[in-house]
N, C-alpha and C. Protein backbone atom coordinates (compact mmCIF):
# COMPACT_ATOMS: atom_id res chain seq x y z
N MET A 1 27.47 79.73 128.75
CA MET A 1 27.00 78.62 130.59
C MET A 1 25.74 79.46 130.24
N LYS A 2 24.82 79.20 130.49
CA LYS A 2 22.78 79.87 130.96
C LYS A 2 22.59 80.49 131.75
N PHE A 3 22.80 81.43 131.67
CA PHE A 3 22.44 82.42 132.62
C PHE A 3 20.81 82.46 133.46
N ILE A 4 20.31 82.07 131.99
CA ILE A 4 18.04 82.39 132.60
C ILE A 4 17.51 80.16 132.60
N PRO A 5 16.86 80.03 133.18
CA PRO A 5 15.92 78.24 133.16
C PRO A 5 15.97 78.46 131.85
N TYR A 6 16.85 77.33 130.96
CA TYR A 6 16.07 77.73 129.18
C TYR A 6 16.43 75.42 129.43
N GLU A 7 15.59 75.22 128.42
CA GLU A 7 15.71 73.55 128.07
C GLU A 7 15.32 73.41 127.19
N ASN A 8 15.90 72.91 125.85
CA ASN A 8 15.33 73.14 123.84
C ASN A 8 16.53 71.41 123.34
N TYR A 9 15.69 70.01 123.88
CA TYR A 9 15.72 69.37 123.41
C TYR A 9 14.72 68.45 122.47
N TYR A 10 16.03 67.16 122.47
CA TYR A 10 14.55 66.52 120.64
C TYR A 10 14.72 64.76 121.06
N LEU A 11 13.71 63.88 121.02
CA LEU A 11 13.02 62.57 121.41
C LEU A 11 13.31 61.93 119.82
N THR A 12 13.59 61.83 119.77
CA THR A 12 12.91 60.43 119.29
C THR A 12 12.11 58.76 119.54
N THR A 13 11.46 59.19 118.16
CA THR A 13 10.97 57.35 118.49
C THR A 13 10.10 56.88 117.36
N ASP A 14 9.92 55.07 117.17
CA ASP A 14 9.73 54.73 116.35
C ASP A 14 8.32 54.64 116.46
N LEU A 15 7.37 55.57 117.00
CA LEU A 15 5.82 55.66 116.87
C LEU A 15 4.73 57.05 115.88
N THR A 16 3.95 57.06 115.59
CA THR A 16 3.37 57.60 114.63
C THR A 16 3.95 59.20 115.80
N PRO A 17 3.67 60.51 114.69
CA PRO A 17 2.96 61.22 114.96
C PRO A 17 2.12 61.39 116.10
N GLU A 18 1.16 60.78 115.10
CA GLU A 18 -0.40 60.46 115.83
C GLU A 18 -0.13 59.66 116.96
N GLU A 19 -0.35 58.42 116.95
CA GLU A 19 0.51 57.78 117.94
C GLU A 19 0.58 58.34 119.47
N VAL A 20 1.93 59.76 119.58
CA VAL A 20 2.40 60.20 120.21
C VAL A 20 2.06 61.20 120.79
N SER A 21 0.48 61.98 119.51
CA SER A 21 0.09 62.93 119.88
C SER A 21 -1.71 62.36 120.64
N ARG A 22 -1.48 61.31 120.19
CA ARG A 22 -2.39 60.94 121.66
C ARG A 22 -2.96 60.31 122.80
N ARG A 23 -0.59 60.18 123.02
CA ARG A 23 -0.48 59.36 123.98
C ARG A 23 -0.21 61.07 124.61
N LEU A 24 0.24 62.73 124.41
CA LEU A 24 0.49 63.29 125.38
C LEU A 24 -1.43 63.70 124.89
N SER A 25 -2.22 63.88 124.22
CA SER A 25 -3.03 64.71 125.17
C SER A 25 -4.02 63.62 125.68
N LEU A 26 -3.66 61.86 126.02
CA LEU A 26 -4.14 61.75 126.67
C LEU A 26 -4.16 62.86 128.62
N ASN A 27 -2.61 62.91 128.29
CA ASN A 27 -2.68 63.50 129.59
C ASN A 27 -3.11 65.34 129.75
N ILE A 28 -2.74 65.62 129.14
CA ILE A 28 -3.47 67.23 128.85
C ILE A 28 -4.66 67.34 128.47
N GLU A 29 -5.06 68.72 129.97
CA GLU A 29 -6.44 69.12 130.07
C GLU A 29 -7.10 70.60 129.81
N PRO A 30 -7.62 70.78 129.25
CA PRO A 30 -7.19 72.66 129.29
C PRO A 30 -7.26 73.15 129.59
N PRO A 31 -6.42 74.61 130.08
CA PRO A 31 -6.47 75.10 131.48
C PRO A 31 -7.71 75.47 132.03
N LYS A 32 -7.56 75.95 133.35
CA LYS A 32 -8.36 76.35 134.48
C LYS A 32 -7.79 77.20 134.63
N ILE A 33 -9.50 77.95 135.66
CA ILE A 33 -8.61 79.13 136.51
C ILE A 33 -8.36 78.81 137.94
N THR A 34 -8.54 78.04 138.42
CA THR A 34 -8.69 77.26 139.28
C THR A 34 -7.17 77.88 140.90
N PHE A 35 -6.60 78.15 142.45
CA PHE A 35 -6.87 78.01 142.90
C PHE A 35 -5.78 76.71 143.70
N PHE A 36 -7.15 76.43 143.76
CA PHE A 36 -5.90 75.12 144.09
C PHE A 36 -6.45 73.84 143.00
N ASN A 37 -5.57 72.73 142.23
CA ASN A 37 -5.18 72.33 142.01
C ASN A 37 -6.41 70.84 142.19
N LEU A 38 -7.12 70.42 142.65
CA LEU A 38 -7.62 68.92 143.87
C LEU A 38 -8.28 68.16 142.51
N ASN A 39 -9.16 68.41 142.37
CA ASN A 39 -9.53 67.35 141.15
C ASN A 39 -9.46 67.61 139.59
N ARG A 40 -8.03 67.25 139.82
CA ARG A 40 -7.46 67.44 138.34
C ARG A 40 -7.29 66.24 137.74
N LYS A 41 -7.94 65.68 137.10
CA LYS A 41 -7.35 64.59 136.71
C LYS A 41 -5.72 63.64 135.33
N SER A 42 -5.31 65.35 134.90
CA SER A 42 -4.56 64.67 133.56
C SER A 42 -3.34 65.25 134.74
N LEU A 43 -1.99 64.77 134.24
CA LEU A 43 -0.12 65.40 135.16
C LEU A 43 -0.46 67.31 134.15
N TYR A 44 -0.84 67.79 132.96
CA TYR A 44 -0.61 68.82 132.83
C TYR A 44 -1.98 69.65 132.26
N GLU A 45 -1.46 70.64 131.45
CA GLU A 45 -3.27 71.70 131.18
C GLU A 45 -1.85 72.31 129.69
N GLY A 46 -2.45 72.81 128.76
CA GLY A 46 -2.20 73.83 128.09
C GLY A 46 -3.24 72.57 127.41
N TYR A 47 -2.06 73.20 126.04
CA TYR A 47 -3.22 72.08 124.38
C TYR A 47 -2.14 71.55 123.64
N ILE A 48 -2.65 71.05 122.71
CA ILE A 48 -1.85 70.11 121.25
C ILE A 48 -3.06 69.77 120.25
N THR A 49 -2.37 70.92 119.13
CA THR A 49 -3.39 71.17 118.19
C THR A 49 -1.91 71.01 116.64
N ASN A 50 -2.42 70.35 116.09
CA ASN A 50 -1.73 69.85 114.68
C ASN A 50 -0.01 69.60 115.19
N GLY A 51 -0.62 68.67 116.16
CA GLY A 51 1.05 68.48 116.66
C GLY A 51 2.03 69.30 116.77
N LYS A 52 1.73 70.31 117.52
CA LYS A 52 1.78 71.74 118.04
C LYS A 52 1.24 71.72 119.67
N PHE A 53 1.70 71.77 120.46
CA PHE A 53 1.83 72.13 122.34
C PHE A 53 1.49 72.75 122.60
N GLU A 54 1.14 73.63 124.74
CA GLU A 54 2.09 74.51 124.44
C GLU A 54 1.72 73.96 125.87
N ILE A 55 1.80 73.90 126.88
CA ILE A 55 1.81 73.12 128.65
C ILE A 55 2.92 73.40 129.35
N SER A 56 1.75 73.10 130.76
CA SER A 56 2.60 73.99 132.08
C SER A 56 2.26 72.50 132.79
N ARG A 57 2.72 71.52 133.38
CA ARG A 57 3.13 70.44 134.91
C ARG A 57 1.82 70.55 135.43
N ILE A 58 0.69 70.38 136.10
CA ILE A 58 -0.98 70.76 136.94
C ILE A 58 0.60 70.00 138.46
N ILE A 59 -0.18 71.38 139.29
CA ILE A 59 1.33 70.90 140.45
C ILE A 59 0.05 70.67 141.34
N ARG A 60 0.29 70.56 142.66
CA ARG A 60 -0.47 70.81 143.73
C ARG A 60 -0.53 72.30 145.28
N TYR A 61 1.14 72.67 144.54
CA TYR A 61 1.06 73.10 145.13
C TYR A 61 2.38 74.76 144.68
N ARG A 62 2.95 75.96 145.16
CA ARG A 62 3.34 76.27 144.22
C ARG A 62 3.83 76.79 144.27
N ASN A 63 5.02 76.76 142.98
CA ASN A 63 6.12 76.95 142.04
C ASN A 63 5.87 78.57 141.60
N GLY A 64 6.46 79.64 141.65
CA GLY A 64 6.32 80.64 140.58
C GLY A 64 7.02 79.50 139.28
N TRP A 65 8.73 79.03 139.62
CA TRP A 65 9.02 79.28 138.27
C TRP A 65 8.92 77.59 138.04
N LEU A 66 7.53 77.56 137.99
CA LEU A 66 7.02 76.27 136.64
C LEU A 66 6.53 76.18 135.26
N PRO A 67 7.89 75.45 134.66
CA PRO A 67 8.51 75.79 133.36
C PRO A 67 6.91 74.93 132.31
N SER A 68 7.28 76.71 131.09
CA SER A 68 6.35 75.89 130.29
C SER A 68 6.94 75.45 129.70
N ILE A 69 5.98 74.80 129.10
CA ILE A 69 7.09 73.52 128.30
C ILE A 69 5.91 74.32 126.51
N ASN A 70 6.74 74.02 125.88
CA ASN A 70 6.46 74.20 123.56
C ASN A 70 6.93 73.29 123.14
N GLY A 71 6.06 72.69 121.68
CA GLY A 71 7.08 71.71 121.43
C GLY A 71 5.95 71.83 119.82
N GLU A 72 6.79 70.32 120.08
CA GLU A 72 5.96 69.67 117.82
C GLU A 72 6.59 68.34 117.79
N VAL A 73 5.71 68.03 117.45
CA VAL A 73 6.15 66.12 116.73
C VAL A 73 6.20 66.20 115.80
N PHE A 74 6.59 65.88 114.94
CA PHE A 74 7.23 65.79 113.36
C PHE A 74 7.32 64.88 113.05
N VAL A 75 7.96 64.61 112.19
CA VAL A 75 8.41 63.12 111.50
C VAL A 75 9.68 63.67 110.61
N SER A 76 10.71 63.85 111.10
CA SER A 76 11.37 63.91 110.74
C SER A 76 12.82 63.18 109.35
N ASN A 77 13.97 63.85 109.13
CA ASN A 77 14.10 63.84 107.62
C ASN A 77 14.46 61.58 107.14
N ASP A 78 15.21 61.15 108.84
CA ASP A 78 15.03 59.20 108.44
C ASP A 78 13.66 58.55 108.98
N GLY A 79 13.20 59.52 108.54
CA GLY A 79 11.33 58.74 109.45
C GLY A 79 10.97 58.73 110.84
N LYS A 80 11.52 58.84 110.54
CA LYS A 80 11.09 58.23 112.56
C LYS A 80 10.40 59.93 113.45
N THR A 81 9.57 59.78 114.09
CA THR A 81 9.12 61.25 114.43
C THR A 81 10.31 61.93 115.80
N THR A 82 9.87 63.20 115.44
CA THR A 82 11.10 63.28 116.53
C THR A 82 9.77 64.63 117.59
N VAL A 83 10.11 65.07 118.81
CA VAL A 83 8.64 65.50 119.48
C VAL A 83 10.03 66.66 119.86
N HIS A 84 10.24 67.79 118.89
CA HIS A 84 10.83 69.06 120.43
C HIS A 84 10.85 69.73 121.14
N ILE A 85 11.57 69.66 122.00
CA ILE A 85 10.84 70.84 123.46
C ILE A 85 11.13 71.13 123.69
N VAL A 86 10.80 72.39 124.73
CA VAL A 86 11.48 73.28 124.74
C VAL A 86 10.49 73.71 126.15
N MET A 87 12.24 73.91 127.25
CA MET A 87 11.03 75.04 128.53
C MET A 87 11.41 75.52 128.48
N SER A 88 10.96 76.30 129.39
CA SER A 88 11.83 77.68 129.57
C SER A 88 10.56 78.64 131.52
N LEU A 89 10.50 79.52 131.21
CA LEU A 89 10.75 80.14 132.85
C LEU A 89 8.48 80.56 132.17
N SER A 90 7.66 80.31 133.13
CA SER A 90 6.96 80.53 132.42
C SER A 90 7.08 82.31 133.06
N SER A 91 5.53 83.66 132.76
CA SER A 91 5.43 84.73 132.34
C SER A 91 6.11 84.87 134.03
N TYR A 92 4.88 84.44 134.47
CA TYR A 92 4.69 84.12 135.93
C TYR A 92 6.27 84.20 136.82
N GLY A 93 7.11 83.63 136.70
CA GLY A 93 8.17 82.89 137.01
C GLY A 93 9.24 84.29 136.42
N TYR A 94 8.95 85.52 135.46
CA TYR A 94 9.16 86.46 135.02
C TYR A 94 9.70 87.62 136.26
N VAL A 95 7.65 87.20 135.93
CA VAL A 95 7.44 88.39 136.81
C VAL A 95 7.50 89.07 138.43
N PHE A 96 8.28 87.24 138.73
CA PHE A 96 8.73 87.42 140.04
C PHE A 96 10.13 87.71 140.34
N SER A 97 10.44 87.59 139.67
CA SER A 97 12.23 86.98 138.89
C SER A 97 13.19 88.43 139.14
N ILE A 98 12.91 88.95 137.97
CA ILE A 98 13.03 90.21 137.19
C ILE A 98 13.00 91.14 138.69
N PRO A 99 11.35 91.45 138.64
CA PRO A 99 11.82 92.96 140.09
C PRO A 99 13.19 91.52 141.07
N TRP A 100 12.56 91.33 141.07
CA TRP A 100 13.45 90.46 142.70
C TRP A 100 14.69 90.81 142.42
N PHE A 101 15.70 90.27 141.30
CA PHE A 101 17.22 91.12 140.39
C PHE A 101 17.29 92.66 140.17
N ALA A 102 16.76 92.97 140.38
CA ALA A 102 16.31 94.81 139.92
C ALA A 102 16.53 95.74 141.01
N VAL A 103 15.90 95.17 142.46
CA VAL A 103 16.17 95.65 143.42
C VAL A 103 17.38 95.83 143.85
N VAL A 104 17.48 94.21 143.40
CA VAL A 104 18.80 93.08 144.15
C VAL A 104 20.31 93.92 143.46
N PHE A 105 20.13 94.60 142.42
CA PHE A 105 20.97 95.32 141.17
C PHE A 105 21.13 96.38 141.68
N LEU A 106 20.08 97.18 141.77
CA LEU A 106 20.41 98.22 142.27
C LEU A 106 20.66 98.96 142.94
N ALA A 107 20.83 98.10 144.26
CA ALA A 107 20.70 98.22 145.68
C ALA A 107 21.77 98.49 145.85
N GLY A 108 22.71 97.45 145.00
CA GLY A 108 23.95 97.28 145.03
C GLY A 108 24.67 97.66 144.19
N TYR A 109 24.37 98.84 143.38
CA TYR A 109 24.72 98.99 142.76
C TYR A 109 25.55 100.74 143.65
N PHE A 110 23.81 100.89 143.91
CA PHE A 110 24.06 102.38 144.91
C PHE A 110 25.11 102.40 146.12
N ILE A 111 24.09 101.18 146.39
CA ILE A 111 26.02 100.61 147.57
C ILE A 111 27.51 100.92 147.23
N ILE A 112 27.52 100.47 146.73
CA ILE A 112 29.16 100.96 145.32
C ILE A 112 28.99 101.76 145.40
N LYS A 113 28.41 102.08 144.39
CA LYS A 113 28.96 104.23 144.36
C LYS A 113 28.94 105.09 145.21
N GLN A 114 28.66 104.61 146.18
CA GLN A 114 28.73 105.44 147.62
C GLN A 114 29.78 104.87 148.12
N MET A 115 30.42 103.79 147.77
CA MET A 115 31.32 103.54 148.27
C MET A 115 32.93 103.64 148.12
N ILE A 116 32.35 103.72 146.96
CA ILE A 116 33.00 105.12 145.78
C ILE A 116 33.76 106.12 146.09
N ARG A 117 32.82 106.58 146.36
CA ARG A 117 32.73 107.85 146.28
C ARG A 117 33.76 108.61 147.18
N GLU A 118 33.17 107.57 148.45
CA GLU A 118 33.77 108.06 149.49
C GLU A 118 34.80 107.76 149.97
N ASN A 119 35.50 106.56 148.63
CA ASN A 119 37.25 105.97 148.52
C ASN A 119 36.77 104.86 150.55
N ALA A 120 35.72 104.28 150.41
CA ALA A 120 35.53 104.11 151.96
C ALA A 120 34.88 102.16 151.72
N PHE A 121 35.19 100.89 151.91
CA PHE A 121 35.01 99.98 151.91
C PHE A 121 33.97 99.17 153.18
N ASP A 122 32.25 98.48 153.06
CA ASP A 122 32.57 98.70 154.14
C ASP A 122 32.14 96.98 153.93
N PRO A 123 31.96 95.81 154.88
CA PRO A 123 32.35 94.02 154.26
C PRO A 123 31.35 93.75 154.41
N LYS A 124 30.18 95.21 155.63
CA LYS A 124 28.63 94.65 155.52
C LYS A 124 27.85 95.20 154.63
N SER A 125 28.45 95.52 153.56
CA SER A 125 27.67 95.64 152.08
C SER A 125 27.62 94.32 150.85
N LEU A 126 28.46 93.68 152.08
CA LEU A 126 28.07 92.89 150.71
C LEU A 126 27.47 91.26 151.12
N PHE A 127 26.28 91.46 151.92
CA PHE A 127 25.61 90.88 152.26
C PHE A 127 24.37 90.65 151.41
N LEU A 128 24.61 91.46 149.81
CA LEU A 128 23.51 91.18 148.84
C LEU A 128 24.18 89.85 148.18
N VAL A 129 24.97 90.04 148.21
CA VAL A 129 25.74 89.05 147.41
C VAL A 129 24.88 87.44 147.80
N PRO A 130 25.25 86.97 149.47
CA PRO A 130 24.81 85.72 149.48
C PRO A 130 22.40 85.96 148.88
N PHE A 131 22.01 87.16 148.66
CA PHE A 131 21.49 87.26 149.13
C PHE A 131 20.99 87.29 147.43
N SER A 132 21.03 87.82 146.42
CA SER A 132 21.30 87.04 144.97
C SER A 132 21.56 86.22 144.93
N LEU A 133 21.90 85.86 144.96
CA LEU A 133 22.65 84.01 144.89
C LEU A 133 21.92 82.71 145.57
N ILE A 134 21.26 83.21 146.59
CA ILE A 134 19.90 82.76 146.82
C ILE A 134 19.42 82.61 146.18
N GLY A 135 18.87 83.36 146.55
CA GLY A 135 17.25 83.95 145.11
C GLY A 135 17.32 83.15 143.53
N TYR A 136 18.80 83.02 142.95
CA TYR A 136 19.00 82.94 141.53
C TYR A 136 19.75 80.85 141.73
N GLY A 137 19.48 80.95 143.09
CA GLY A 137 19.17 79.17 142.63
C GLY A 137 18.59 79.16 143.86
N MET A 138 17.31 79.31 144.51
CA MET A 138 15.88 79.21 144.46
C MET A 138 15.76 78.78 143.04
N LEU A 139 15.92 79.54 142.27
CA LEU A 139 14.59 80.36 140.55
C LEU A 139 15.72 78.39 140.01
N LEU A 140 16.71 78.26 140.14
CA LEU A 140 17.32 77.10 139.25
C LEU A 140 16.86 75.87 139.94
N ALA A 141 16.42 75.75 141.24
CA ALA A 141 16.71 74.46 142.15
C ALA A 141 15.04 74.01 141.60
N ALA A 142 14.26 75.00 141.65
CA ALA A 142 13.14 75.56 141.87
C ALA A 142 13.07 74.34 139.95
N PHE A 143 12.90 75.06 139.29
CA PHE A 143 12.91 75.41 137.82
C PHE A 143 13.51 73.83 136.80
N LYS A 144 14.47 73.51 137.50
CA LYS A 144 15.50 72.16 137.41
C LYS A 144 15.10 70.85 138.00
N ILE A 145 14.12 70.95 139.08
CA ILE A 145 13.10 70.27 139.18
C ILE A 145 11.97 70.55 138.59
N GLU A 146 11.05 70.60 138.28
CA GLU A 146 10.27 70.74 137.76
C GLU A 146 10.27 70.28 135.88
N SER A 147 11.31 70.64 135.75
CA SER A 147 11.98 70.13 134.18
C SER A 147 12.21 68.76 134.21
N ARG A 148 13.07 68.24 134.88
CA ARG A 148 13.67 67.04 135.28
C ARG A 148 12.31 66.05 135.86
N LYS A 149 10.46 66.29 135.68
CA LYS A 149 9.74 65.65 136.45
C LYS A 149 8.93 65.49 134.48
N SER A 150 9.18 66.66 133.43
CA SER A 150 8.54 67.25 132.60
C SER A 150 9.64 66.07 131.29
N LYS A 151 11.00 65.92 132.19
CA LYS A 151 11.50 65.06 131.26
C LYS A 151 10.87 64.31 131.25
N ARG A 152 10.92 62.97 132.62
CA ARG A 152 11.06 62.27 132.47
C ARG A 152 9.40 62.22 132.01
N PHE A 153 8.33 62.56 131.57
CA PHE A 153 7.49 62.47 131.46
C PHE A 153 7.10 61.95 130.07
N PHE A 154 7.77 62.72 129.12
CA PHE A 154 8.08 62.83 127.95
C PHE A 154 8.92 61.54 127.19
N GLU A 155 9.38 61.03 128.05
CA GLU A 155 10.49 60.02 127.99
C GLU A 155 9.37 58.53 127.47
N LYS A 156 7.87 58.29 128.28
CA LYS A 156 7.72 57.89 128.81
C LYS A 156 6.10 58.04 127.98
N VAL A 157 6.44 59.50 127.27
CA VAL A 157 5.64 59.49 126.04
C VAL A 157 5.82 57.94 124.35
N VAL A 158 7.38 58.73 124.30
CA VAL A 158 8.36 58.57 123.01
C VAL A 158 8.40 56.58 123.16
N ASP A 159 7.89 55.85 124.31
CA ASP A 159 8.95 55.10 124.52
C ASP A 159 7.58 54.20 124.48
N PRO A 160 7.86 53.96 123.04
CA PRO A 160 6.97 52.60 122.12
C PRO A 160 6.44 51.83 123.61
N HIS A 161 7.80 50.61 123.90
CA HIS A 161 7.16 49.41 124.84
C HIS A 161 6.67 50.11 126.35
N TYR A 162 6.22 51.41 126.23
CA TYR A 162 5.23 51.30 128.14
C TYR A 162 3.82 51.83 127.70
N LEU A 163 3.53 51.03 127.94
CA LEU A 163 1.95 51.12 127.89
C LEU A 163 1.22 51.98 128.96
N GLY A 164 1.49 51.52 130.45
CA GLY A 164 0.98 52.10 131.30
C GLY A 164 0.81 53.40 131.15
N GLU A 165 0.04 53.43 132.43
CA GLU A 165 -0.21 54.67 133.25
C GLU A 165 0.80 55.76 133.23
N ILE A 166 0.78 56.82 132.47
CA ILE A 166 1.50 58.13 132.73
C ILE A 166 1.59 59.21 133.73
N SER A 167 3.09 58.76 134.23
CA SER A 167 2.71 59.40 136.15
C SER A 167 4.13 59.76 136.58
N ASN A 168 3.76 61.10 137.99
CA ASN A 168 5.40 62.26 138.00
C ASN A 168 5.21 60.95 139.30
């Protein structure tokens, strides 16, 4: 069972690697340091060079658990073009999540240690369980919502019959 948001998968297509890279590059722009992403034309920001890409979705709201997407476009052994995609929690997501769970874990540890020392159980001390589950649920939900949008995007990129503008 995976506890850290992470997805690793492959898509295959009859398109050439050059065509897949071209379709990707039409939707990727270089990263810009902006607080609001109002005038952005592309769906993703990042880089694609020599069939390898590092991108993240451009959103018009804040999501600290937005997936970071890395991948590669290559020809597989069967002659088809394969796109290898890895989505993981962004560095911002780790920067926020690790302290959150560390504080909850340490607080729980010291509360349990105190209860053992005093040989007394206090049901009020269980408040940390829902607190940590809510935080973890928020992390997973935010990551999964965004990763599903990116999966749909990549499915359109590799679909040879999809000629329209790619949008989420």
